[in-house]
Amino acid sequence: DFAGLAQFDVVESAVPEPTTWLMMLAGF
């Protein structure tokens, strides 16, 4: 039989949530 390994990276950029946008606008 065969054996091995695998690896990958996940990078997620910051995305403001809708409620955060509303809070920011309300603050302004």
mmCIF file of all heavy atoms, coordinates in Angstrom:
data_MODEL
# 
_entry.id   MODEL 
# 
loop_
_atom_site.group_PDB 
_atom_site.id 
_atom_site.type_symbol 
_atom_site.label_atom_id 
_atom_site.label_alt_id 
_atom_site.label_comp_id 
_atom_site.label_asym_id 
_atom_site.label_entity_id 
_atom_site.label_seq_id 
_atom_site.pdbx_PDB_ins_code 
_atom_site.Cartn_x 
_atom_site.Cartn_y 
_atom_site.Cartn_z 
_atom_site.occupancy 
_atom_site.B_iso_or_equiv 
_atom_site.pdbx_formal_charge 
_atom_site.auth_seq_id 
_atom_site.auth_comp_id 
_atom_site.auth_asym_id 
_atom_site.auth_atom_id 
_atom_site.pdbx_PDB_model_num 
ATOM 1   N N   . ASP A 1 1  ? 0.822   -1.210 0.000  1.00 0.00 ? 1  ASP A N   1 
ATOM 2   C CA  . ASP A 1 1  ? 0.000   0.000  0.000  1.00 0.00 ? 1  ASP A CA  1 
ATOM 3   C C   . ASP A 1 1  ? 0.857   1.262  0.000  1.00 0.00 ? 1  ASP A C   1 
ATOM 4   O O   . ASP A 1 1  ? 2.064   1.224  0.236  1.00 0.00 ? 1  ASP A O   1 
ATOM 5   C CB  . ASP A 1 1  ? -0.918  0.002  1.220  1.00 0.00 ? 1  ASP A CB  1 
ATOM 6   C CG  . ASP A 1 1  ? -1.965  -1.099 1.146  1.00 0.00 ? 1  ASP A CG  1 
ATOM 7   O OD1 . ASP A 1 1  ? -2.187  -1.628 0.049  1.00 0.00 ? 1  ASP A OD1 1 
ATOM 8   O OD2 . ASP A 1 1  ? -2.555  -1.422 2.197  1.00 0.00 ? 1  ASP A OD2 1 
ATOM 9   N N   . PHE A 1 2  ? 0.184   2.394  -0.255 1.00 0.00 ? 2  PHE A N   1 
ATOM 10  C CA  . PHE A 1 2  ? 0.858   3.686  -0.304 1.00 0.00 ? 2  PHE A CA  1 
ATOM 11  C C   . PHE A 1 2  ? 0.537   4.502  0.943  1.00 0.00 ? 2  PHE A C   1 
ATOM 12  O O   . PHE A 1 2  ? -0.521  4.343  1.552  1.00 0.00 ? 2  PHE A O   1 
ATOM 13  C CB  . PHE A 1 2  ? 0.414   4.475  -1.547 1.00 0.00 ? 2  PHE A CB  1 
ATOM 14  C CG  . PHE A 1 2  ? 1.032   3.986  -2.826 1.00 0.00 ? 2  PHE A CG  1 
ATOM 15  C CD1 . PHE A 1 2  ? 0.597   2.803  -3.418 1.00 0.00 ? 2  PHE A CD1 1 
ATOM 16  C CD2 . PHE A 1 2  ? 2.043   4.704  -3.444 1.00 0.00 ? 2  PHE A CD2 1 
ATOM 17  C CE1 . PHE A 1 2  ? 1.160   2.346  -4.603 1.00 0.00 ? 2  PHE A CE1 1 
ATOM 18  C CE2 . PHE A 1 2  ? 2.612   4.263  -4.622 1.00 0.00 ? 2  PHE A CE2 1 
ATOM 19  C CZ  . PHE A 1 2  ? 2.180   3.081  -5.203 1.00 0.00 ? 2  PHE A CZ  1 
ATOM 20  N N   . ALA A 1 3  ? 1.443   5.379  1.286  1.00 0.00 ? 3  ALA A N   1 
ATOM 21  C CA  . ALA A 1 3  ? 1.239   6.276  2.425  1.00 0.00 ? 3  ALA A CA  1 
ATOM 22  C C   . ALA A 1 3  ? 1.924   7.602  2.136  1.00 0.00 ? 3  ALA A C   1 
ATOM 23  O O   . ALA A 1 3  ? 2.889   7.666  1.365  1.00 0.00 ? 3  ALA A O   1 
ATOM 24  C CB  . ALA A 1 3  ? 1.790   5.663  3.708  1.00 0.00 ? 3  ALA A CB  1 
ATOM 25  N N   . GLY A 1 4  ? 1.414   8.651  2.752  1.00 0.00 ? 4  GLY A N   1 
ATOM 26  C CA  . GLY A 1 4  ? 2.020   9.962  2.537  1.00 0.00 ? 4  GLY A CA  1 
ATOM 27  C C   . GLY A 1 4  ? 1.377   11.017 3.409  1.00 0.00 ? 4  GLY A C   1 
ATOM 28  O O   . GLY A 1 4  ? 0.718   10.714 4.407  1.00 0.00 ? 4  GLY A O   1 
ATOM 29  N N   . LEU A 1 5  ? 1.557   12.245 3.004  1.00 0.00 ? 5  LEU A N   1 
ATOM 30  C CA  . LEU A 1 5  ? 0.993   13.372 3.730  1.00 0.00 ? 5  LEU A CA  1 
ATOM 31  C C   . LEU A 1 5  ? 0.650   14.480 2.752  1.00 0.00 ? 5  LEU A C   1 
ATOM 32  O O   . LEU A 1 5  ? 1.137   14.514 1.625  1.00 0.00 ? 5  LEU A O   1 
ATOM 33  C CB  . LEU A 1 5  ? 1.981   13.884 4.790  1.00 0.00 ? 5  LEU A CB  1 
ATOM 34  C CG  . LEU A 1 5  ? 3.357   14.378 4.301  1.00 0.00 ? 5  LEU A CG  1 
ATOM 35  C CD1 . LEU A 1 5  ? 3.322   15.837 3.899  1.00 0.00 ? 5  LEU A CD1 1 
ATOM 36  C CD2 . LEU A 1 5  ? 4.402   14.174 5.400  1.00 0.00 ? 5  LEU A CD2 1 
ATOM 37  N N   . ALA A 1 6  ? -0.217  15.364 3.194  1.00 0.00 ? 6  ALA A N   1 
ATOM 38  C CA  . ALA A 1 6  ? -0.584  16.523 2.385  1.00 0.00 ? 6  ALA A CA  1 
ATOM 39  C C   . ALA A 1 6  ? -0.847  17.690 3.318  1.00 0.00 ? 6  ALA A C   1 
ATOM 40  O O   . ALA A 1 6  ? -1.303  17.509 4.455  1.00 0.00 ? 6  ALA A O   1 
ATOM 41  C CB  . ALA A 1 6  ? -1.817  16.225 1.540  1.00 0.00 ? 6  ALA A CB  1 
ATOM 42  N N   . GLN A 1 7  ? -0.577  18.881 2.819  1.00 0.00 ? 7  GLN A N   1 
ATOM 43  C CA  . GLN A 1 7  ? -0.773  20.069 3.636  1.00 0.00 ? 7  GLN A CA  1 
ATOM 44  C C   . GLN A 1 7  ? -1.134  21.252 2.745  1.00 0.00 ? 7  GLN A C   1 
ATOM 45  O O   . GLN A 1 7  ? -0.562  21.442 1.681  1.00 0.00 ? 7  GLN A O   1 
ATOM 46  C CB  . GLN A 1 7  ? 0.501   20.379 4.407  1.00 0.00 ? 7  GLN A CB  1 
ATOM 47  C CG  . GLN A 1 7  ? 0.440   21.613 5.300  1.00 0.00 ? 7  GLN A CG  1 
ATOM 48  C CD  . GLN A 1 7  ? 1.717   21.773 6.101  1.00 0.00 ? 7  GLN A CD  1 
ATOM 49  O OE1 . GLN A 1 7  ? 1.993   21.020 7.026  1.00 0.00 ? 7  GLN A OE1 1 
ATOM 50  N NE2 . GLN A 1 7  ? 2.519   22.767 5.739  1.00 0.00 ? 7  GLN A NE2 1 
ATOM 51  N N   . PHE A 1 8  ? -2.119  22.017 3.191  1.00 0.00 ? 8  PHE A N   1 
ATOM 52  C CA  . PHE A 1 8  ? -2.444  23.255 2.499  1.00 0.00 ? 8  PHE A CA  1 
ATOM 53  C C   . PHE A 1 8  ? -2.753  24.333 3.523  1.00 0.00 ? 8  PHE A C   1 
ATOM 54  O O   . PHE A 1 8  ? -3.150  24.044 4.653  1.00 0.00 ? 8  PHE A O   1 
ATOM 55  C CB  . PHE A 1 8  ? -3.622  23.080 1.515  1.00 0.00 ? 8  PHE A CB  1 
ATOM 56  C CG  . PHE A 1 8  ? -4.911  22.643 2.151  1.00 0.00 ? 8  PHE A CG  1 
ATOM 57  C CD1 . PHE A 1 8  ? -5.781  23.559 2.737  1.00 0.00 ? 8  PHE A CD1 1 
ATOM 58  C CD2 . PHE A 1 8  ? -5.285  21.304 2.150  1.00 0.00 ? 8  PHE A CD2 1 
ATOM 59  C CE1 . PHE A 1 8  ? -6.974  23.157 3.310  1.00 0.00 ? 8  PHE A CE1 1 
ATOM 60  C CE2 . PHE A 1 8  ? -6.477  20.883 2.720  1.00 0.00 ? 8  PHE A CE2 1 
ATOM 61  C CZ  . PHE A 1 8  ? -7.325  21.818 3.301  1.00 0.00 ? 8  PHE A CZ  1 
ATOM 62  N N   . ASP A 1 9  ? -2.551  25.567 3.114  1.00 0.00 ? 9  ASP A N   1 
ATOM 63  C CA  . ASP A 1 9  ? -2.816  26.713 3.978  1.00 0.00 ? 9  ASP A CA  1 
ATOM 64  C C   . ASP A 1 9  ? -4.067  27.445 3.516  1.00 0.00 ? 9  ASP A C   1 
ATOM 65  O O   . ASP A 1 9  ? -4.356  27.514 2.317  1.00 0.00 ? 9  ASP A O   1 
ATOM 66  C CB  . ASP A 1 9  ? -1.646  27.699 3.969  1.00 0.00 ? 9  ASP A CB  1 
ATOM 67  C CG  . ASP A 1 9  ? -0.443  27.179 4.747  1.00 0.00 ? 9  ASP A CG  1 
ATOM 68  O OD1 . ASP A 1 9  ? -0.597  26.151 5.444  1.00 0.00 ? 9  ASP A OD1 1 
ATOM 69  O OD2 . ASP A 1 9  ? 0.629   27.799 4.648  1.00 0.00 ? 9  ASP A OD2 1 
ATOM 70  N N   . VAL A 1 10 ? -4.801  27.966 4.468  1.00 0.00 ? 10 VAL A N   1 
ATOM 71  C CA  . VAL A 1 10 ? -5.975  28.788 4.188  1.00 0.00 ? 10 VAL A CA  1 
ATOM 72  C C   . VAL A 1 10 ? -5.740  30.168 4.784  1.00 0.00 ? 10 VAL A C   1 
ATOM 73  O O   . VAL A 1 10 ? -5.422  30.288 5.969  1.00 0.00 ? 10 VAL A O   1 
ATOM 74  C CB  . VAL A 1 10 ? -7.258  28.171 4.792  1.00 0.00 ? 10 VAL A CB  1 
ATOM 75  C CG1 . VAL A 1 10 ? -8.459  29.092 4.567  1.00 0.00 ? 10 VAL A CG1 1 
ATOM 76  C CG2 . VAL A 1 10 ? -7.525  26.801 4.187  1.00 0.00 ? 10 VAL A CG2 1 
ATOM 77  N N   . VAL A 1 11 ? -5.859  31.192 3.958  1.00 0.00 ? 11 VAL A N   1 
ATOM 78  C CA  . VAL A 1 11 ? -5.699  32.572 4.415  1.00 0.00 ? 11 VAL A CA  1 
ATOM 79  C C   . VAL A 1 11 ? -6.967  33.332 4.072  1.00 0.00 ? 11 VAL A C   1 
ATOM 80  O O   . VAL A 1 11 ? -7.375  33.381 2.904  1.00 0.00 ? 11 VAL A O   1 
ATOM 81  C CB  . VAL A 1 11 ? -4.482  33.256 3.755  1.00 0.00 ? 11 VAL A CB  1 
ATOM 82  C CG1 . VAL A 1 11 ? -4.392  34.711 4.203  1.00 0.00 ? 11 VAL A CG1 1 
ATOM 83  C CG2 . VAL A 1 11 ? -3.206  32.508 4.101  1.00 0.00 ? 11 VAL A CG2 1 
ATOM 84  N N   . GLU A 1 12 ? -7.593  33.897 5.083  1.00 0.00 ? 12 GLU A N   1 
ATOM 85  C CA  . GLU A 1 12 ? -8.845  34.621 4.887  1.00 0.00 ? 12 GLU A CA  1 
ATOM 86  C C   . GLU A 1 12 ? -8.664  36.080 5.276  1.00 0.00 ? 12 GLU A C   1 
ATOM 87  O O   . GLU A 1 12 ? -8.225  36.387 6.384  1.00 0.00 ? 12 GLU A O   1 
ATOM 88  C CB  . GLU A 1 12 ? -9.954  33.977 5.713  1.00 0.00 ? 12 GLU A CB  1 
ATOM 89  C CG  . GLU A 1 12 ? -10.206 32.535 5.317  1.00 0.00 ? 12 GLU A CG  1 
ATOM 90  C CD  . GLU A 1 12 ? -11.114 31.828 6.311  1.00 0.00 ? 12 GLU A CD  1 
ATOM 91  O OE1 . GLU A 1 12 ? -10.715 31.659 7.458  1.00 0.00 ? 12 GLU A OE1 1 
ATOM 92  O OE2 . GLU A 1 12 ? -12.228 31.471 5.915  1.00 0.00 ? 12 GLU A OE2 1 
ATOM 93  N N   . SER A 1 13 ? -8.978  36.962 4.369  1.00 0.00 ? 13 SER A N   1 
ATOM 94  C CA  . SER A 1 13 ? -8.847  38.386 4.645  1.00 0.00 ? 13 SER A CA  1 
ATOM 95  C C   . SER A 1 13 ? -10.038 38.864 5.460  1.00 0.00 ? 13 SER A C   1 
ATOM 96  O O   . SER A 1 13 ? -11.114 38.257 5.446  1.00 0.00 ? 13 SER A O   1 
ATOM 97  C CB  . SER A 1 13 ? -8.759  39.175 3.338  1.00 0.00 ? 13 SER A CB  1 
ATOM 98  O OG  . SER A 1 13 ? -9.887  38.937 2.526  1.00 0.00 ? 13 SER A OG  1 
ATOM 99  N N   . ALA A 1 14 ? -9.857  39.977 6.161  1.00 0.00 ? 14 ALA A N   1 
ATOM 100 C CA  . ALA A 1 14 ? -10.911 40.508 7.021  1.00 0.00 ? 14 ALA A CA  1 
ATOM 101 C C   . ALA A 1 14 ? -12.042 41.098 6.187  1.00 0.00 ? 14 ALA A C   1 
ATOM 102 O O   . ALA A 1 14 ? -11.813 41.874 5.276  1.00 0.00 ? 14 ALA A O   1 
ATOM 103 C CB  . ALA A 1 14 ? -10.339 41.585 7.937  1.00 0.00 ? 14 ALA A CB  1 
ATOM 104 N N   . VAL A 1 15 ? -13.245 40.711 6.514  1.00 0.00 ? 15 VAL A N   1 
ATOM 105 C CA  . VAL A 1 15 ? -14.433 41.249 5.851  1.00 0.00 ? 15 VAL A CA  1 
ATOM 106 C C   . VAL A 1 15 ? -15.411 41.713 6.921  1.00 0.00 ? 15 VAL A C   1 
ATOM 107 O O   . VAL A 1 15 ? -15.881 40.908 7.725  1.00 0.00 ? 15 VAL A O   1 
ATOM 108 C CB  . VAL A 1 15 ? -15.125 40.187 4.967  1.00 0.00 ? 15 VAL A CB  1 
ATOM 109 C CG1 . VAL A 1 15 ? -16.403 40.743 4.383  1.00 0.00 ? 15 VAL A CG1 1 
ATOM 110 C CG2 . VAL A 1 15 ? -14.188 39.739 3.861  1.00 0.00 ? 15 VAL A CG2 1 
ATOM 111 N N   . PRO A 1 16 ? -15.723 42.998 6.991  1.00 0.00 ? 16 PRO A N   1 
ATOM 112 C CA  . PRO A 1 16 ? -16.665 43.485 7.997  1.00 0.00 ? 16 PRO A CA  1 
ATOM 113 C C   . PRO A 1 16 ? -18.043 42.847 7.833  1.00 0.00 ? 16 PRO A C   1 
ATOM 114 O O   . PRO A 1 16 ? -18.552 42.711 6.720  1.00 0.00 ? 16 PRO A O   1 
ATOM 115 C CB  . PRO A 1 16 ? -16.729 44.993 7.730  1.00 0.00 ? 16 PRO A CB  1 
ATOM 116 C CG  . PRO A 1 16 ? -15.476 45.297 6.981  1.00 0.00 ? 16 PRO A CG  1 
ATOM 117 C CD  . PRO A 1 16 ? -15.197 44.080 6.160  1.00 0.00 ? 16 PRO A CD  1 
ATOM 118 N N   . GLU A 1 17 ? -18.633 42.452 8.941  1.00 0.00 ? 17 GLU A N   1 
ATOM 119 C CA  . GLU A 1 17 ? -19.979 41.903 8.901  1.00 0.00 ? 17 GLU A CA  1 
ATOM 120 C C   . GLU A 1 17 ? -21.001 43.029 8.726  1.00 0.00 ? 17 GLU A C   1 
ATOM 121 O O   . GLU A 1 17 ? -20.739 44.184 9.096  1.00 0.00 ? 17 GLU A O   1 
ATOM 122 C CB  . GLU A 1 17 ? -20.267 41.135 10.191 1.00 0.00 ? 17 GLU A CB  1 
ATOM 123 C CG  . GLU A 1 17 ? -19.338 39.938 10.385 1.00 0.00 ? 17 GLU A CG  1 
ATOM 124 C CD  . GLU A 1 17 ? -19.633 39.197 11.654 1.00 0.00 ? 17 GLU A CD  1 
ATOM 125 O OE1 . GLU A 1 17 ? -20.488 39.671 12.424 1.00 0.00 ? 17 GLU A OE1 1 
ATOM 126 O OE2 . GLU A 1 17 ? -19.021 38.146 11.886 1.00 0.00 ? 17 GLU A OE2 1 
ATOM 127 N N   . PRO A 1 18 ? -22.171 42.738 8.163  1.00 0.00 ? 18 PRO A N   1 
ATOM 128 C CA  . PRO A 1 18 ? -23.188 43.777 7.950  1.00 0.00 ? 18 PRO A CA  1 
ATOM 129 C C   . PRO A 1 18 ? -23.534 44.558 9.210  1.00 0.00 ? 18 PRO A C   1 
ATOM 130 O O   . PRO A 1 18 ? -23.710 45.779 9.169  1.00 0.00 ? 18 PRO A O   1 
ATOM 131 C CB  . PRO A 1 18 ? -24.386 42.970 7.433  1.00 0.00 ? 18 PRO A CB  1 
ATOM 132 C CG  . PRO A 1 18 ? -23.777 41.781 6.774  1.00 0.00 ? 18 PRO A CG  1 
ATOM 133 C CD  . PRO A 1 18 ? -22.579 41.441 7.611  1.00 0.00 ? 18 PRO A CD  1 
ATOM 134 N N   . THR A 1 19 ? -23.635 43.857 10.347 1.00 0.00 ? 19 THR A N   1 
ATOM 135 C CA  . THR A 1 19 ? -23.977 44.566 11.586 1.00 0.00 ? 19 THR A CA  1 
ATOM 136 C C   . THR A 1 19 ? -22.876 45.544 11.985 1.00 0.00 ? 19 THR A C   1 
ATOM 137 O O   . THR A 1 19 ? -23.145 46.587 12.581 1.00 0.00 ? 19 THR A O   1 
ATOM 138 C CB  . THR A 1 19 ? -24.204 43.557 12.727 1.00 0.00 ? 19 THR A CB  1 
ATOM 139 O OG1 . THR A 1 19 ? -23.059 42.700 12.837 1.00 0.00 ? 19 THR A OG1 1 
ATOM 140 C CG2 . THR A 1 19 ? -25.430 42.703 12.453 1.00 0.00 ? 19 THR A CG2 1 
ATOM 141 N N   . THR A 1 20 ? -21.640 45.210 11.669 1.00 0.00 ? 20 THR A N   1 
ATOM 142 C CA  . THR A 1 20 ? -20.534 46.111 11.986 1.00 0.00 ? 20 THR A CA  1 
ATOM 143 C C   . THR A 1 20 ? -20.625 47.380 11.164 1.00 0.00 ? 20 THR A C   1 
ATOM 144 O O   . THR A 1 20 ? -20.385 48.491 11.661 1.00 0.00 ? 20 THR A O   1 
ATOM 145 C CB  . THR A 1 20 ? -19.188 45.406 11.730 1.00 0.00 ? 20 THR A CB  1 
ATOM 146 O OG1 . THR A 1 20 ? -19.138 44.207 12.507 1.00 0.00 ? 20 THR A OG1 1 
ATOM 147 C CG2 . THR A 1 20 ? -18.025 46.312 12.118 1.00 0.00 ? 20 THR A CG2 1 
ATOM 148 N N   . TRP A 1 21 ? -20.958 47.230 9.870  1.00 0.00 ? 21 TRP A N   1 
ATOM 149 C CA  . TRP A 1 21 ? -21.135 48.420 9.028  1.00 0.00 ? 21 TRP A CA  1 
ATOM 150 C C   . TRP A 1 21 ? -22.236 49.315 9.595  1.00 0.00 ? 21 TRP A C   1 
ATOM 151 O O   . TRP A 1 21 ? -22.106 50.543 9.633  1.00 0.00 ? 21 TRP A O   1 
ATOM 152 C CB  . TRP A 1 21 ? -21.501 48.005 7.598  1.00 0.00 ? 21 TRP A CB  1 
ATOM 153 C CG  . TRP A 1 21 ? -20.339 47.536 6.779  1.00 0.00 ? 21 TRP A CG  1 
ATOM 154 C CD1 . TRP A 1 21 ? -20.100 46.270 6.327  1.00 0.00 ? 21 TRP A CD1 1 
ATOM 155 C CD2 . TRP A 1 21 ? -19.236 48.331 6.313  1.00 0.00 ? 21 TRP A CD2 1 
ATOM 156 N NE1 . TRP A 1 21 ? -18.934 46.217 5.610  1.00 0.00 ? 21 TRP A NE1 1 
ATOM 157 C CE2 . TRP A 1 21 ? -18.383 47.472 5.588  1.00 0.00 ? 21 TRP A CE2 1 
ATOM 158 C CE3 . TRP A 1 21 ? -18.884 49.674 6.454  1.00 0.00 ? 21 TRP A CE3 1 
ATOM 159 C CZ2 . TRP A 1 21 ? -17.206 47.913 4.988  1.00 0.00 ? 21 TRP A CZ2 1 
ATOM 160 C CZ3 . TRP A 1 21 ? -17.708 50.115 5.845  1.00 0.00 ? 21 TRP A CZ3 1 
ATOM 161 C CH2 . TRP A 1 21 ? -16.892 49.251 5.130  1.00 0.00 ? 21 TRP A CH2 1 
ATOM 162 N N   . LEU A 1 22 ? -23.335 48.715 10.027 1.00 0.00 ? 22 LEU A N   1 
ATOM 163 C CA  . LEU A 1 22 ? -24.446 49.497 10.572 1.00 0.00 ? 22 LEU A CA  1 
ATOM 164 C C   . LEU A 1 22 ? -24.024 50.245 11.832 1.00 0.00 ? 22 LEU A C   1 
ATOM 165 O O   . LEU A 1 22 ? -24.385 51.407 12.033 1.00 0.00 ? 22 LEU A O   1 
ATOM 166 C CB  . LEU A 1 22 ? -25.637 48.574 10.864 1.00 0.00 ? 22 LEU A CB  1 
ATOM 167 C CG  . LEU A 1 22 ? -26.339 47.973 9.646  1.00 0.00 ? 22 LEU A CG  1 
ATOM 168 C CD1 . LEU A 1 22 ? -27.417 46.986 10.089 1.00 0.00 ? 22 LEU A CD1 1 
ATOM 169 C CD2 . LEU A 1 22 ? -26.955 49.073 8.791  1.00 0.00 ? 22 LEU A CD2 1 
ATOM 170 N N   . MET A 1 23 ? -23.259 49.573 12.692 1.00 0.00 ? 23 MET A N   1 
ATOM 171 C CA  . MET A 1 23 ? -22.808 50.230 13.915 1.00 0.00 ? 23 MET A CA  1 
ATOM 172 C C   . MET A 1 23 ? -21.881 51.403 13.603 1.00 0.00 ? 23 MET A C   1 
ATOM 173 O O   . MET A 1 23 ? -21.949 52.462 14.232 1.00 0.00 ? 23 MET A O   1 
ATOM 174 C CB  . MET A 1 23 ? -22.084 49.219 14.813 1.00 0.00 ? 23 MET A CB  1 
ATOM 175 C CG  . MET A 1 23 ? -22.994 48.163 15.423 1.00 0.00 ? 23 MET A CG  1 
ATOM 176 S SD  . MET A 1 23 ? -22.094 47.052 16.527 1.00 0.00 ? 23 MET A SD  1 
ATOM 177 C CE  . MET A 1 23 ? -21.617 48.199 17.815 1.00 0.00 ? 23 MET A CE  1 
ATOM 178 N N   . MET A 1 24 ? -21.020 51.217 12.603 1.00 0.00 ? 24 MET A N   1 
ATOM 179 C CA  . MET A 1 24 ? -20.109 52.285 12.237 1.00 0.00 ? 24 MET A CA  1 
ATOM 180 C C   . MET A 1 24 ? -20.876 53.502 11.708 1.00 0.00 ? 24 MET A C   1 
ATOM 181 O O   . MET A 1 24 ? -20.623 54.645 12.102 1.00 0.00 ? 24 MET A O   1 
ATOM 182 C CB  . MET A 1 24 ? -19.125 51.799 11.172 1.00 0.00 ? 24 MET A CB  1 
ATOM 183 C CG  . MET A 1 24 ? -18.098 52.852 10.764 1.00 0.00 ? 24 MET A CG  1 
ATOM 184 S SD  . MET A 1 24 ? -17.052 52.295 9.406  1.00 0.00 ? 24 MET A SD  1 
ATOM 185 C CE  . MET A 1 24 ? -18.246 52.272 8.063  1.00 0.00 ? 24 MET A CE  1 
ATOM 186 N N   . LEU A 1 25 ? -21.839 53.243 10.814 1.00 0.00 ? 25 LEU A N   1 
ATOM 187 C CA  . LEU A 1 25 ? -22.630 54.339 10.257 1.00 0.00 ? 25 LEU A CA  1 
ATOM 188 C C   . LEU A 1 25 ? -23.441 55.039 11.339 1.00 0.00 ? 25 LEU A C   1 
ATOM 189 O O   . LEU A 1 25 ? -23.578 56.266 11.340 1.00 0.00 ? 25 LEU A O   1 
ATOM 190 C CB  . LEU A 1 25 ? -23.543 53.798 9.157  1.00 0.00 ? 25 LEU A CB  1 
ATOM 191 C CG  . LEU A 1 25 ? -22.821 53.265 7.903  1.00 0.00 ? 25 LEU A CG  1 
ATOM 192 C CD1 . LEU A 1 25 ? -23.828 52.653 6.949  1.00 0.00 ? 25 LEU A CD1 1 
ATOM 193 C CD2 . LEU A 1 25 ? -22.047 54.379 7.218  1.00 0.00 ? 25 LEU A CD2 1 
ATOM 194 N N   . ALA A 1 26 ? -23.984 54.232 12.259 1.00 0.00 ? 26 ALA A N   1 
ATOM 195 C CA  . ALA A 1 26 ? -24.752 54.827 13.354 1.00 0.00 ? 26 ALA A CA  1 
ATOM 196 C C   . ALA A 1 26 ? -23.859 55.701 14.222 1.00 0.00 ? 26 ALA A C   1 
ATOM 197 O O   . ALA A 1 26 ? -24.260 56.777 14.679 1.00 0.00 ? 26 ALA A O   1 
ATOM 198 C CB  . ALA A 1 26 ? -25.397 53.728 14.197 1.00 0.00 ? 26 ALA A CB  1 
ATOM 199 N N   . GLY A 1 27 ? -22.617 55.252 14.435 1.00 0.00 ? 27 GLY A N   1 
ATOM 200 C CA  . GLY A 1 27 ? -21.681 56.033 15.231 1.00 0.00 ? 27 GLY A CA  1 
ATOM 201 C C   . GLY A 1 27 ? -21.370 57.371 14.587 1.00 0.00 ? 27 GLY A C   1 
ATOM 202 O O   . GLY A 1 27 ? -21.370 58.417 15.254 1.00 0.00 ? 27 GLY A O   1 
ATOM 203 N N   . PHE A 1 28 ? -21.134 57.355 13.283 1.00 0.00 ? 28 PHE A N   1 
ATOM 204 C CA  . PHE A 1 28 ? -20.882 58.614 12.584 1.00 0.00 ? 28 PHE A CA  1 
ATOM 205 C C   . PHE A 1 28 ? -22.104 59.531 12.647 1.00 0.00 ? 28 PHE A C   1 
ATOM 206 O O   . PHE A 1 28 ? -21.992 60.744 12.789 1.00 0.00 ? 28 PHE A O   1 
ATOM 207 C CB  . PHE A 1 28 ? -20.518 58.338 11.121 1.00 0.00 ? 28 PHE A CB  1 
ATOM 208 C CG  . PHE A 1 28 ? -19.086 57.942 10.934 1.00 0.00 ? 28 PHE A CG  1 
ATOM 209 C CD1 . PHE A 1 28 ? -18.756 56.763 10.293 1.00 0.00 ? 28 PHE A CD1 1 
ATOM 210 C CD2 . PHE A 1 28 ? -18.057 58.750 11.411 1.00 0.00 ? 28 PHE A CD2 1 
ATOM 211 C CE1 . PHE A 1 28 ? -17.441 56.400 10.113 1.00 0.00 ? 28 PHE A CE1 1 
ATOM 212 C CE2 . PHE A 1 28 ? -16.729 58.391 11.225 1.00 0.00 ? 28 PHE A CE2 1 
ATOM 213 C CZ  . PHE A 1 28 ? -16.418 57.210 10.582 1.00 0.00 ? 28 PHE A CZ  1 
# 
